[in-house]
PDB file of all heavy atoms in Angstrom:
ATOM      1  N   LEU A   1      -7.769 -52.474 -17.640  1.00  0.00           N
ATOM      2  CA  LEU A   1      -8.112 -53.281 -16.465  1.00  0.00           C
ATOM      3  C   LEU A   1      -9.581 -53.356 -16.176  1.00  0.00           C
ATOM      4  O   LEU A   1     -10.015 -54.182 -15.393  1.00  0.00           O
ATOM      5  CB  LEU A   1      -7.358 -52.722 -15.246  1.00  0.00           C
ATOM      6  CG  LEU A   1      -5.821 -52.653 -15.346  1.00  0.00           C
ATOM      7  CD1 LEU A   1      -5.228 -52.191 -14.014  1.00  0.00           C
ATOM      8  CD2 LEU A   1      -5.218 -53.994 -15.750  1.00  0.00           C
ATOM      9  N   GLY A   2     -10.352 -52.462 -16.829  1.00  0.00           N
ATOM     10  CA  GLY A   2     -11.837 -52.498 -16.644  1.00  0.00           C
ATOM     11  C   GLY A   2     -12.298 -51.878 -15.363  1.00  0.00           C
ATOM     12  O   GLY A   2     -13.481 -51.888 -15.056  1.00  0.00           O
ATOM     13  N   ARG A   3     -11.412 -51.315 -14.539  1.00  0.00           N
ATOM     14  CA  ARG A   3     -11.823 -50.697 -13.286  1.00  0.00           C
ATOM     15  C   ARG A   3     -10.738 -49.752 -12.836  1.00  0.00           C
ATOM     16  O   ARG A   3      -9.623 -49.715 -13.363  1.00  0.00           O
ATOM     17  CB  ARG A   3     -12.001 -51.784 -12.210  1.00  0.00           C
ATOM     18  CG  ARG A   3     -10.732 -52.390 -11.708  1.00  0.00           C
ATOM     19  CD  ARG A   3     -10.934 -53.598 -10.825  1.00  0.00           C
ATOM     20  NE  ARG A   3      -9.743 -53.930 -10.028  1.00  0.00           N
ATOM     21  CZ  ARG A   3      -8.682 -54.534 -10.446  1.00  0.00           C
ATOM     22  NH1 ARG A   3      -8.613 -54.889 -11.768  1.00  0.00           N
ATOM     23  NH2 ARG A   3      -7.652 -54.808  -9.655  1.00  0.00           N
ATOM     24  N   LEU A   4     -11.047 -48.944 -11.852  1.00  0.00           N
ATOM     25  CA  LEU A   4     -10.095 -48.050 -11.170  1.00  0.00           C
ATOM     26  C   LEU A   4     -10.011 -48.357  -9.662  1.00  0.00           C
ATOM     27  O   LEU A   4      -8.926 -48.458  -9.115  1.00  0.00           O
ATOM     28  CB  LEU A   4     -10.453 -46.564 -11.387  1.00  0.00           C
ATOM     29  CG  LEU A   4     -10.277 -46.004 -12.765  1.00  0.00           C
ATOM     30  CD1 LEU A   4     -10.752 -44.521 -12.808  1.00  0.00           C
ATOM     31  CD2 LEU A   4      -8.854 -46.107 -13.243  1.00  0.00           C
ATOM     32  N   GLU A   5     -11.157 -48.523  -9.036  1.00  0.00           N
ATOM     33  CA  GLU A   5     -11.177 -48.770  -7.607  1.00  0.00           C
ATOM     34  C   GLU A   5     -10.433 -50.086  -7.278  1.00  0.00           C
ATOM     35  O   GLU A   5     -10.680 -51.138  -7.882  1.00  0.00           O
ATOM     36  CB  GLU A   5     -12.614 -48.844  -7.061  1.00  0.00           C
ATOM     37  CG  GLU A   5     -13.346 -47.485  -7.044  1.00  0.00           C
ATOM     38  CD  GLU A   5     -14.669 -47.565  -6.354  1.00  0.00           C
ATOM     39  OE1 GLU A   5     -14.965 -48.611  -5.747  1.00  0.00           O
ATOM     40  OE2 GLU A   5     -15.409 -46.590  -6.426  1.00  0.00           O
ATOM     41  N   GLY A   6      -9.564 -49.969  -6.285  1.00  0.00           N
ATOM     42  CA  GLY A   6      -8.817 -51.177  -5.855  1.00  0.00           C
ATOM     43  C   GLY A   6      -7.582 -51.481  -6.659  1.00  0.00           C
ATOM     44  O   GLY A   6      -6.818 -52.379  -6.286  1.00  0.00           O
ATOM     45  N   VAL A   7      -7.348 -50.760  -7.771  1.00  0.00           N
ATOM     46  CA  VAL A   7      -6.152 -50.983  -8.580  1.00  0.00           C
ATOM     47  C   VAL A   7      -4.921 -50.560  -7.780  1.00  0.00           C
ATOM     48  O   VAL A   7      -4.925 -49.495  -7.125  1.00  0.00           O
ATOM     49  CB  VAL A   7      -6.221 -50.198  -9.887  1.00  0.00           C
ATOM     50  CG1 VAL A   7      -4.863 -50.166 -10.594  1.00  0.00           C
ATOM     51  CG2 VAL A   7      -7.249 -50.851 -10.842  1.00  0.00           C
ATOM     52  N   LYS A   8      -3.866 -51.383  -7.803  1.00  0.00           N
ATOM     53  CA  LYS A   8      -2.618 -51.015  -7.154  1.00  0.00           C
ATOM     54  C   LYS A   8      -1.674 -50.418  -8.198  1.00  0.00           C
ATOM     55  O   LYS A   8      -1.207 -51.088  -9.104  1.00  0.00           O
ATOM     56  CB  LYS A   8      -1.946 -52.234  -6.485  1.00  0.00           C
ATOM     57  CG  LYS A   8      -0.616 -51.893  -5.806  1.00  0.00           C
ATOM     58  CD  LYS A   8       0.023 -53.072  -5.112  1.00  0.00           C
ATOM     59  CE  LYS A   8       1.345 -52.681  -4.456  1.00  0.00           C
ATOM     60  NZ  LYS A   8       2.012 -53.837  -3.768  1.00  0.00           N
ATOM     61  N   LEU A   9      -1.386 -49.141  -8.009  1.00  0.00           N
ATOM     62  CA  LEU A   9      -0.466 -48.431  -8.930  1.00  0.00           C
ATOM     63  C   LEU A   9       0.823 -48.140  -8.202  1.00  0.00           C
ATOM     64  O   LEU A   9       0.819 -47.474  -7.138  1.00  0.00           O
ATOM     65  CB  LEU A   9      -1.097 -47.132  -9.431  1.00  0.00           C
ATOM     66  CG  LEU A   9      -0.315 -46.378 -10.542  1.00  0.00           C
ATOM     67  CD1 LEU A   9      -1.300 -45.595 -11.425  1.00  0.00           C
ATOM     68  CD2 LEU A   9       0.684 -45.370  -9.938  1.00  0.00           C
ATOM     69  N   VAL A  10       1.931 -48.600  -8.751  1.00  0.00           N
ATOM     70  CA  VAL A  10       3.234 -48.385  -8.155  1.00  0.00           C
ATOM     71  C   VAL A  10       4.058 -47.421  -9.020  1.00  0.00           C
ATOM     72  O   VAL A  10       4.266 -47.670 -10.210  1.00  0.00           O
ATOM     73  CB  VAL A  10       4.025 -49.725  -8.012  1.00  0.00           C
ATOM     74  CG1 VAL A  10       5.390 -49.459  -7.381  1.00  0.00           C
ATOM     75  CG2 VAL A  10       3.206 -50.684  -7.171  1.00  0.00           C
ATOM     76  N   TYR A  11       4.478 -46.309  -8.390  1.00  0.00           N
ATOM     77  CA  TYR A  11       5.280 -45.345  -9.110  1.00  0.00           C
ATOM     78  C   TYR A  11       6.741 -45.515  -8.642  1.00  0.00           C
ATOM     79  O   TYR A  11       7.060 -45.364  -7.476  1.00  0.00           O
ATOM     80  CB  TYR A  11       4.812 -43.914  -8.815  1.00  0.00           C
ATOM     81  CG  TYR A  11       5.554 -42.885  -9.649  1.00  0.00           C
ATOM     82  CD1 TYR A  11       5.090 -42.510 -10.884  1.00  0.00           C
ATOM     83  CD2 TYR A  11       6.734 -42.273  -9.208  1.00  0.00           C
ATOM     84  CE1 TYR A  11       5.743 -41.565 -11.680  1.00  0.00           C
ATOM     85  CE2 TYR A  11       7.409 -41.347  -9.964  1.00  0.00           C
ATOM     86  CZ  TYR A  11       6.908 -41.001 -11.194  1.00  0.00           C
ATOM     87  OH  TYR A  11       7.598 -40.074 -11.967  1.00  0.00           O
ATOM     88  N   MET A  12       7.632 -45.830  -9.619  1.00  0.00           N
ATOM     89  CA  MET A  12       9.021 -46.063  -9.330  1.00  0.00           C
ATOM     90  C   MET A  12       9.888 -44.952  -9.884  1.00  0.00           C
ATOM     91  O   MET A  12       9.665 -44.513 -11.041  1.00  0.00           O
ATOM     92  CB  MET A  12       9.489 -47.419  -9.879  1.00  0.00           C
ATOM     93  CG  MET A  12       8.717 -48.614  -9.281  1.00  0.00           C
ATOM     94  SD  MET A  12       9.217 -50.204  -9.937  1.00  0.00           S
ATOM     95  CE  MET A  12      10.863 -50.378  -9.253  1.00  0.00           C
ATOM     96  N   GLY A  13      10.863 -44.517  -9.115  1.00  0.00           N
ATOM     97  CA  GLY A  13      11.712 -43.429  -9.571  1.00  0.00           C
ATOM     98  C   GLY A  13      11.586 -42.193  -8.705  1.00  0.00           C
ATOM     99  O   GLY A  13      11.343 -42.298  -7.493  1.00  0.00           O
ATOM    100  N   ASP A  14      11.723 -41.024  -9.262  1.00  0.00           N
ATOM    101  CA  ASP A  14      11.630 -39.733  -8.543  1.00  0.00           C
ATOM    102  C   ASP A  14      10.173 -39.365  -8.384  1.00  0.00           C
ATOM    103  O   ASP A  14       9.507 -38.885  -9.305  1.00  0.00           O
ATOM    104  CB  ASP A  14      12.387 -38.671  -9.324  1.00  0.00           C
ATOM    105  CG  ASP A  14      12.621 -37.387  -8.493  1.00  0.00           C
ATOM    106  OD1 ASP A  14      11.903 -37.212  -7.483  1.00  0.00           O
ATOM    107  OD2 ASP A  14      13.518 -36.605  -8.819  1.00  0.00           O
ATOM    108  N   ALA A  15       9.646 -39.547  -7.188  1.00  0.00           N
ATOM    109  CA  ALA A  15       8.234 -39.315  -6.904  1.00  0.00           C
ATOM    110  C   ALA A  15       7.932 -37.961  -6.315  1.00  0.00           C
ATOM    111  O   ALA A  15       6.848 -37.723  -5.780  1.00  0.00           O
ATOM    112  CB  ALA A  15       7.705 -40.415  -5.970  1.00  0.00           C
ATOM    113  N   ARG A  16       8.880 -36.989  -6.451  1.00  0.00           N
ATOM    114  CA  ARG A  16       8.709 -35.702  -5.801  1.00  0.00           C
ATOM    115  C   ARG A  16       7.974 -34.676  -6.674  1.00  0.00           C
ATOM    116  O   ARG A  16       7.497 -33.678  -6.152  1.00  0.00           O
ATOM    117  CB  ARG A  16      10.090 -35.105  -5.454  1.00  0.00           C
ATOM    118  CG  ARG A  16      10.899 -35.925  -4.496  1.00  0.00           C
ATOM    119  CD  ARG A  16      12.324 -35.362  -4.361  1.00  0.00           C
ATOM    120  NE  ARG A  16      13.001 -35.402  -5.662  1.00  0.00           N
ATOM    121  CZ  ARG A  16      14.212 -34.833  -5.838  1.00  0.00           C
ATOM    122  NH1 ARG A  16      14.802 -34.216  -4.868  1.00  0.00           N
ATOM    123  NH2 ARG A  16      14.771 -34.929  -7.076  1.00  0.00           N
ATOM    124  N   TYR A  17       7.873 -34.910  -7.963  1.00  0.00           N
ATOM    125  CA  TYR A  17       7.446 -33.847  -8.862  1.00  0.00           C
ATOM    126  C   TYR A  17       6.104 -34.189  -9.565  1.00  0.00           C
ATOM    127  O   TYR A  17       5.352 -35.018  -9.119  1.00  0.00           O
ATOM    128  CB  TYR A  17       8.558 -33.527  -9.834  1.00  0.00           C
ATOM    129  CG  TYR A  17       9.823 -33.074  -9.161  1.00  0.00           C
ATOM    130  CD1 TYR A  17      11.029 -33.698  -9.391  1.00  0.00           C
ATOM    131  CD2 TYR A  17       9.799 -32.012  -8.280  1.00  0.00           C
ATOM    132  CE1 TYR A  17      12.181 -33.272  -8.717  1.00  0.00           C
ATOM    133  CE2 TYR A  17      10.956 -31.576  -7.619  1.00  0.00           C
ATOM    134  CZ  TYR A  17      12.136 -32.204  -7.839  1.00  0.00           C
ATOM    135  OH  TYR A  17      13.264 -31.801  -7.199  1.00  0.00           O
ATOM    136  N   ASN A  18       5.911 -33.531 -10.734  1.00  0.00           N
ATOM    137  CA  ASN A  18       4.572 -33.543 -11.374  1.00  0.00           C
ATOM    138  C   ASN A  18       3.908 -34.869 -11.493  1.00  0.00           C
ATOM    139  O   ASN A  18       2.808 -35.082 -11.017  1.00  0.00           O
ATOM    140  CB  ASN A  18       4.728 -32.909 -12.757  1.00  0.00           C
ATOM    141  CG  ASN A  18       4.674 -31.386 -12.730  1.00  0.00           C
ATOM    142  OD1 ASN A  18       4.744 -30.778 -11.668  1.00  0.00           O
ATOM    143  ND2 ASN A  18       4.573 -30.786 -13.889  1.00  0.00           N
ATOM    144  N   MET A  19       4.591 -35.820 -12.148  1.00  0.00           N
ATOM    145  CA  MET A  19       3.912 -37.077 -12.455  1.00  0.00           C
ATOM    146  C   MET A  19       3.593 -37.861 -11.170  1.00  0.00           C
ATOM    147  O   MET A  19       2.466 -38.336 -10.979  1.00  0.00           O
ATOM    148  CB  MET A  19       4.730 -37.932 -13.392  1.00  0.00           C
ATOM    149  CG  MET A  19       4.767 -37.434 -14.816  1.00  0.00           C
ATOM    150  SD  MET A  19       3.105 -37.019 -15.470  1.00  0.00           S
ATOM    151  CE  MET A  19       2.183 -38.505 -15.129  1.00  0.00           C
ATOM    152  N   GLY A  20       4.556 -38.005 -10.290  1.00  0.00           N
ATOM    153  CA  GLY A  20       4.307 -38.710  -9.065  1.00  0.00           C
ATOM    154  C   GLY A  20       3.209 -38.082  -8.215  1.00  0.00           C
ATOM    155  O   GLY A  20       2.339 -38.755  -7.695  1.00  0.00           O
ATOM    156  N   ASN A  21       3.260 -36.743  -8.126  1.00  0.00           N
ATOM    157  CA  ASN A  21       2.266 -36.010  -7.342  1.00  0.00           C
ATOM    158  C   ASN A  21       0.891 -36.104  -7.963  1.00  0.00           C
ATOM    159  O   ASN A  21      -0.113 -36.330  -7.282  1.00  0.00           O
ATOM    160  CB  ASN A  21       2.689 -34.556  -7.223  1.00  0.00           C
ATOM    161  CG  ASN A  21       3.886 -34.350  -6.341  1.00  0.00           C
ATOM    162  OD1 ASN A  21       4.229 -35.222  -5.541  1.00  0.00           O
ATOM    163  ND2 ASN A  21       4.543 -33.224  -6.485  1.00  0.00           N
ATOM    164  N   SER A  22       0.813 -35.939  -9.295  1.00  0.00           N
ATOM    165  CA  SER A  22      -0.475 -35.994  -9.978  1.00  0.00           C
ATOM    166  C   SER A  22      -1.154 -37.356  -9.834  1.00  0.00           C
ATOM    167  O   SER A  22      -2.341 -37.452  -9.570  1.00  0.00           O
ATOM    168  CB  SER A  22      -0.302 -35.703 -11.468  1.00  0.00           C
ATOM    169  OG  SER A  22       0.157 -34.372 -11.683  1.00  0.00           O
ATOM    170  N   LEU A  23      -0.355 -38.394  -9.982  1.00  0.00           N
ATOM    171  CA  LEU A  23      -0.892 -39.759  -9.861  1.00  0.00           C
ATOM    172  C   LEU A  23      -1.342 -40.051  -8.431  1.00  0.00           C
ATOM    173  O   LEU A  23      -2.359 -40.697  -8.199  1.00  0.00           O
ATOM    174  CB  LEU A  23       0.135 -40.760 -10.341  1.00  0.00           C
ATOM    175  CG  LEU A  23       0.364 -40.781 -11.857  1.00  0.00           C
ATOM    176  CD1 LEU A  23       1.616 -41.557 -12.216  1.00  0.00           C
ATOM    177  CD2 LEU A  23      -0.844 -41.350 -12.594  1.00  0.00           C
ATOM    178  N   MET A  24      -0.541 -39.619  -7.446  1.00  0.00           N
ATOM    179  CA  MET A  24      -0.886 -39.849  -6.063  1.00  0.00           C
ATOM    180  C   MET A  24      -2.212 -39.187  -5.689  1.00  0.00           C
ATOM    181  O   MET A  24      -3.074 -39.800  -5.026  1.00  0.00           O
ATOM    182  CB  MET A  24       0.235 -39.384  -5.153  1.00  0.00           C
ATOM    183  CG  MET A  24      -0.045 -39.633  -3.647  1.00  0.00           C
ATOM    184  SD  MET A  24       1.380 -39.327  -2.564  1.00  0.00           S
ATOM    185  CE  MET A  24       1.655 -37.576  -2.834  1.00  0.00           C
ATOM    186  N   ILE A  25      -2.375 -37.954  -6.124  1.00  0.00           N
ATOM    187  CA  ILE A  25      -3.623 -37.237  -5.821  1.00  0.00           C
ATOM    188  C   ILE A  25      -4.827 -37.903  -6.513  1.00  0.00           C
ATOM    189  O   ILE A  25      -5.894 -38.092  -5.896  1.00  0.00           O
ATOM    190  CB  ILE A  25      -3.525 -35.765  -6.255  1.00  0.00           C
ATOM    191  CG1 ILE A  25      -2.479 -35.024  -5.374  1.00  0.00           C
ATOM    192  CG2 ILE A  25      -4.864 -35.058  -6.156  1.00  0.00           C
ATOM    193  CD1 ILE A  25      -2.152 -33.629  -5.838  1.00  0.00           C
ATOM    194  N   ALA A  26      -4.638 -38.250  -7.809  1.00  0.00           N
ATOM    195  CA  ALA A  26      -5.730 -38.892  -8.543  1.00  0.00           C
ATOM    196  C   ALA A  26      -6.107 -40.241  -7.918  1.00  0.00           C
ATOM    197  O   ALA A  26      -7.308 -40.530  -7.802  1.00  0.00           O
ATOM    198  CB  ALA A  26      -5.313 -39.061  -9.991  1.00  0.00           C
ATOM    199  N   CYS A  27      -5.131 -41.014  -7.556  1.00  0.00           N
ATOM    200  CA  CYS A  27      -5.406 -42.299  -6.912  1.00  0.00           C
ATOM    201  C   CYS A  27      -6.137 -42.122  -5.608  1.00  0.00           C
ATOM    202  O   CYS A  27      -7.092 -42.850  -5.306  1.00  0.00           O
ATOM    203  CB  CYS A  27      -4.096 -43.056  -6.686  1.00  0.00           C
ATOM    204  SG  CYS A  27      -3.292 -43.710  -8.203  1.00  0.00           S
ATOM    205  N   ALA A  28      -5.706 -41.175  -4.827  1.00  0.00           N
ATOM    206  CA  ALA A  28      -6.292 -40.937  -3.489  1.00  0.00           C
ATOM    207  C   ALA A  28      -7.769 -40.583  -3.636  1.00  0.00           C
ATOM    208  O   ALA A  28      -8.610 -41.009  -2.834  1.00  0.00           O
ATOM    209  CB  ALA A  28      -5.554 -39.864  -2.745  1.00  0.00           C
ATOM    210  N   LYS A  29      -8.115 -39.784  -4.634  1.00  0.00           N
ATOM    211  CA  LYS A  29      -9.489 -39.316  -4.781  1.00  0.00           C
ATOM    212  C   LYS A  29     -10.409 -40.364  -5.413  1.00  0.00           C
ATOM    213  O   LYS A  29     -11.599 -40.371  -5.215  1.00  0.00           O
ATOM    214  CB  LYS A  29      -9.500 -38.035  -5.634  1.00  0.00           C
ATOM    215  CG  LYS A  29      -8.938 -36.827  -4.889  1.00  0.00           C
ATOM    216  CD  LYS A  29      -9.120 -35.562  -5.719  1.00  0.00           C
ATOM    217  CE  LYS A  29      -8.697 -34.340  -4.927  1.00  0.00           C
ATOM    218  NZ  LYS A  29      -8.940 -33.068  -5.661  1.00  0.00           N
ATOM    219  N   LEU A  30      -9.804 -41.234  -6.274  1.00  0.00           N
ATOM    220  CA  LEU A  30     -10.640 -42.163  -7.074  1.00  0.00           C
ATOM    221  C   LEU A  30     -10.553 -43.603  -6.595  1.00  0.00           C
ATOM    222  O   LEU A  30     -11.104 -44.512  -7.244  1.00  0.00           O
ATOM    223  CB  LEU A  30     -10.239 -42.067  -8.547  1.00  0.00           C
ATOM    224  CG  LEU A  30     -10.480 -40.727  -9.210  1.00  0.00           C
ATOM    225  CD1 LEU A  30      -9.984 -40.742 -10.655  1.00  0.00           C
ATOM    226  CD2 LEU A  30     -11.959 -40.335  -9.149  1.00  0.00           C
ATOM    227  N   GLY A  31      -9.894 -43.844  -5.455  1.00  0.00           N
ATOM    228  CA  GLY A  31      -9.930 -45.162  -4.886  1.00  0.00           C
ATOM    229  C   GLY A  31      -8.886 -46.143  -5.364  1.00  0.00           C
ATOM    230  O   GLY A  31      -9.043 -47.370  -5.182  1.00  0.00           O
ATOM    231  N   LEU A  32      -7.816 -45.675  -5.987  1.00  0.00           N
ATOM    232  CA  LEU A  32      -6.692 -46.550  -6.359  1.00  0.00           C
ATOM    233  C   LEU A  32      -5.670 -46.579  -5.235  1.00  0.00           C
ATOM    234  O   LEU A  32      -5.463 -45.574  -4.552  1.00  0.00           O
ATOM    235  CB  LEU A  32      -6.024 -46.064  -7.641  1.00  0.00           C
ATOM    236  CG  LEU A  32      -6.814 -46.195  -8.963  1.00  0.00           C
ATOM    237  CD1 LEU A  32      -7.801 -45.016  -9.107  1.00  0.00           C
ATOM    238  CD2 LEU A  32      -5.870 -46.194 -10.158  1.00  0.00           C
ATOM    239  N   ASN A  33      -5.017 -47.709  -5.072  1.00  0.00           N
ATOM    240  CA  ASN A  33      -3.987 -47.855  -4.024  1.00  0.00           C
ATOM    241  C   ASN A  33      -2.641 -47.445  -4.616  1.00  0.00           C
ATOM    242  O   ASN A  33      -2.104 -48.095  -5.507  1.00  0.00           O
ATOM    243  CB  ASN A  33      -3.947 -49.296  -3.524  1.00  0.00           C
ATOM    244  CG  ASN A  33      -5.276 -49.701  -2.893  1.00  0.00           C
ATOM    245  OD1 ASN A  33      -5.894 -48.943  -2.157  1.00  0.00           O
ATOM    246  ND2 ASN A  33      -5.703 -50.909  -3.212  1.00  0.00           N
ATOM    247  N   PHE A  34      -2.102 -46.347  -4.084  1.00  0.00           N
ATOM    248  CA  PHE A  34      -0.874 -45.758  -4.652  1.00  0.00           C
ATOM    249  C   PHE A  34       0.310 -46.124  -3.780  1.00  0.00           C
ATOM    250  O   PHE A  34       0.292 -46.008  -2.566  1.00  0.00           O
ATOM    251  CB  PHE A  34      -1.007 -44.246  -4.715  1.00  0.00           C
ATOM    252  CG  PHE A  34       0.259 -43.546  -5.198  1.00  0.00           C
ATOM    253  CD1 PHE A  34       0.476 -43.377  -6.563  1.00  0.00           C
ATOM    254  CD2 PHE A  34       1.192 -43.057  -4.303  1.00  0.00           C
ATOM    255  CE1 PHE A  34       1.607 -42.723  -7.011  1.00  0.00           C
ATOM    256  CE2 PHE A  34       2.331 -42.408  -4.731  1.00  0.00           C
ATOM    257  CZ  PHE A  34       2.566 -42.264  -6.115  1.00  0.00           C
ATOM    258  N   THR A  35       1.401 -46.528  -4.474  1.00  0.00           N
ATOM    259  CA  THR A  35       2.644 -46.845  -3.796  1.00  0.00           C
ATOM    260  C   THR A  35       3.796 -46.091  -4.485  1.00  0.00           C
ATOM    261  O   THR A  35       3.952 -46.220  -5.716  1.00  0.00           O
ATOM    262  CB  THR A  35       2.978 -48.353  -3.813  1.00  0.00           C
ATOM    263  OG1 THR A  35       1.963 -49.074  -3.094  1.00  0.00           O
ATOM    264  CG2 THR A  35       4.317 -48.607  -3.178  1.00  0.00           C
TER     265      THR A  35
END
């Protein structure tokens, strides 16, 4: 995509564990919009 800031990332499925949590934290710190 050529960028990170402002990217909308949607996680579908079970968002309680490693992958959902890791992505949510990374998005929050680096300016991606996490859903």
